[in-house]
Amino acid sequence: MTVFGLVSAVAGFVKVRYLLDKAVIDNMIFRAHYRVTSAILFACCIIVTANNLI
């Protein structure tokens, strides 16, 4: 439960940006890929750090 609490606390800082007036140079699949990949890597870093501190 502690690890879930850490990850849910950090999830509040992530915001969605609306790209209405900007040129889009990548498609939706690529954007989803790098957002999900960075979120997974960040969550894994939090989990490893939490396991080392407990």
N, C-alpha and C. Protein backbone atom coordinates (compact mmCIF):
# COMPACT_ATOMS: atom_id res chain seq x y z
N MET A 1 0.82 -1.20 0.00
CA MET A 1 0.00 0.00 0.00
C MET A 1 0.86 1.26 0.00
N THR A 2 2.03 1.19 0.58
CA THR A 2 2.88 2.36 0.64
C THR A 2 3.35 2.78 -0.74
N VAL A 3 3.73 1.81 -1.56
CA VAL A 3 4.20 2.12 -2.91
C VAL A 3 3.07 2.71 -3.74
N PHE A 4 1.87 2.16 -3.59
CA PHE A 4 0.71 2.70 -4.31
C PHE A 4 0.44 4.14 -3.87
N GLY A 5 0.62 4.44 -2.62
CA GLY A 5 0.43 5.80 -2.13
C GLY A 5 1.43 6.77 -2.73
N LEU A 6 2.68 6.32 -2.87
CA LEU A 6 3.70 7.17 -3.49
C LEU A 6 3.38 7.46 -4.95
N VAL A 7 3.00 6.41 -5.68
CA VAL A 7 2.72 6.58 -7.11
C VAL A 7 1.47 7.43 -7.32
N SER A 8 0.45 7.25 -6.51
CA SER A 8 -0.77 8.04 -6.67
C SER A 8 -0.53 9.50 -6.28
N ALA A 9 0.37 9.76 -5.35
CA ALA A 9 0.69 11.14 -4.99
C ALA A 9 1.41 11.85 -6.12
N VAL A 10 2.28 11.14 -6.82
CA VAL A 10 3.02 11.73 -7.93
C VAL A 10 2.12 11.90 -9.15
N ALA A 11 1.11 11.05 -9.31
CA ALA A 11 0.23 11.11 -10.48
C ALA A 11 -0.55 12.42 -10.54
N GLY A 12 -0.74 13.09 -9.44
CA GLY A 12 -1.44 14.36 -9.43
C GLY A 12 -0.67 15.48 -10.10
N PHE A 13 0.64 15.35 -10.24
CA PHE A 13 1.46 16.38 -10.85
C PHE A 13 1.49 16.29 -12.38
N VAL A 14 1.04 15.18 -12.93
CA VAL A 14 1.04 15.00 -14.38
C VAL A 14 -0.17 15.71 -14.96
N LYS A 15 0.05 16.56 -15.94
CA LYS A 15 -1.06 17.28 -16.54
C LYS A 15 -1.11 17.00 -18.04
N VAL A 16 -2.28 17.13 -18.57
CA VAL A 16 -2.50 16.91 -20.00
C VAL A 16 -2.48 18.26 -20.69
N ARG A 17 -1.67 18.36 -21.73
CA ARG A 17 -1.60 19.61 -22.48
C ARG A 17 -2.46 19.49 -23.73
N TYR A 18 -3.20 20.52 -24.01
CA TYR A 18 -4.04 20.54 -25.19
C TYR A 18 -3.29 21.22 -26.33
N LEU A 19 -3.18 20.54 -27.45
CA LEU A 19 -2.41 21.04 -28.58
C LEU A 19 -3.35 21.60 -29.65
N LEU A 20 -4.01 22.70 -29.36
CA LEU A 20 -4.96 23.26 -30.31
C LEU A 20 -4.30 24.19 -31.32
N ASP A 21 -3.38 25.02 -30.88
CA ASP A 21 -2.80 26.03 -31.75
C ASP A 21 -1.39 25.70 -32.22
N LYS A 22 -0.88 24.53 -31.88
CA LYS A 22 0.49 24.19 -32.22
C LYS A 22 0.51 23.15 -33.34
N ALA A 23 1.58 23.16 -34.10
CA ALA A 23 1.76 22.15 -35.14
C ALA A 23 2.12 20.82 -34.49
N VAL A 24 1.52 19.76 -34.97
CA VAL A 24 1.76 18.42 -34.42
C VAL A 24 2.67 17.68 -35.39
N ILE A 25 3.87 17.32 -34.92
CA ILE A 25 4.82 16.65 -35.80
C ILE A 25 4.90 15.16 -35.54
N ASP A 26 4.19 14.65 -34.56
CA ASP A 26 4.15 13.21 -34.31
C ASP A 26 2.69 12.78 -34.16
N ASN A 27 2.45 11.51 -34.41
CA ASN A 27 1.06 11.04 -34.34
C ASN A 27 0.69 10.61 -32.93
N MET A 28 -0.57 10.23 -32.75
CA MET A 28 -1.08 9.91 -31.43
C MET A 28 -0.41 8.66 -30.85
N ILE A 29 -0.09 7.68 -31.68
CA ILE A 29 0.54 6.45 -31.20
C ILE A 29 1.93 6.75 -30.64
N PHE A 30 2.71 7.57 -31.34
CA PHE A 30 4.05 7.90 -30.86
C PHE A 30 3.99 8.69 -29.56
N ARG A 31 3.06 9.65 -29.47
CA ARG A 31 2.93 10.42 -28.22
C ARG A 31 2.52 9.53 -27.07
N ALA A 32 1.59 8.62 -27.31
CA ALA A 32 1.18 7.69 -26.25
C ALA A 32 2.34 6.80 -25.84
N HIS A 33 3.16 6.40 -26.82
CA HIS A 33 4.29 5.53 -26.52
C HIS A 33 5.29 6.22 -25.60
N TYR A 34 5.71 7.44 -25.93
CA TYR A 34 6.72 8.05 -25.06
C TYR A 34 6.15 8.53 -23.74
N ARG A 35 4.87 8.85 -23.68
CA ARG A 35 4.28 9.22 -22.39
C ARG A 35 4.15 8.02 -21.47
N VAL A 36 3.68 6.91 -22.02
CA VAL A 36 3.52 5.70 -21.21
C VAL A 36 4.88 5.15 -20.81
N THR A 37 5.84 5.17 -21.73
CA THR A 37 7.18 4.67 -21.42
C THR A 37 7.82 5.48 -20.31
N SER A 38 7.73 6.80 -20.39
CA SER A 38 8.34 7.63 -19.35
C SER A 38 7.61 7.45 -18.02
N ALA A 39 6.30 7.28 -18.05
CA ALA A 39 5.55 7.05 -16.81
C ALA A 39 5.93 5.72 -16.17
N ILE A 40 6.09 4.68 -16.99
CA ILE A 40 6.48 3.37 -16.46
C ILE A 40 7.88 3.42 -15.87
N LEU A 41 8.81 4.06 -16.57
CA LEU A 41 10.18 4.17 -16.05
C LEU A 41 10.22 4.97 -14.75
N PHE A 42 9.46 6.05 -14.68
CA PHE A 42 9.41 6.85 -13.46
C PHE A 42 8.81 6.07 -12.31
N ALA A 43 7.73 5.33 -12.57
CA ALA A 43 7.10 4.52 -11.53
C ALA A 43 8.04 3.42 -11.05
N CYS A 44 8.78 2.80 -11.97
CA CYS A 44 9.74 1.76 -11.57
C CYS A 44 10.86 2.34 -10.71
N CYS A 45 11.30 3.54 -11.05
CA CYS A 45 12.33 4.20 -10.22
C CYS A 45 11.80 4.47 -8.81
N ILE A 46 10.56 4.90 -8.71
CA ILE A 46 9.94 5.13 -7.40
C ILE A 46 9.85 3.83 -6.61
N ILE A 47 9.44 2.74 -7.28
CA ILE A 47 9.29 1.45 -6.60
C ILE A 47 10.64 0.94 -6.11
N VAL A 48 11.67 1.04 -6.93
CA VAL A 48 13.00 0.58 -6.52
C VAL A 48 13.52 1.41 -5.36
N THR A 49 13.33 2.71 -5.42
CA THR A 49 13.77 3.58 -4.33
C THR A 49 13.00 3.28 -3.05
N ALA A 50 11.70 3.06 -3.16
CA ALA A 50 10.90 2.76 -1.98
C ALA A 50 11.30 1.43 -1.37
N ASN A 51 11.61 0.44 -2.20
CA ASN A 51 12.04 -0.86 -1.68
C ASN A 51 13.40 -0.76 -0.98
N ASN A 52 14.27 0.10 -1.47
CA ASN A 52 15.57 0.27 -0.83
C ASN A 52 15.45 1.02 0.50
N LEU A 53 14.47 1.89 0.62
CA LEU A 53 14.33 2.67 1.84
C LEU A 53 13.56 1.95 2.94
N ILE A 54 12.78 0.94 2.56
CA ILE A 54 11.97 0.22 3.56
C ILE A 54 12.79 -0.82 4.26
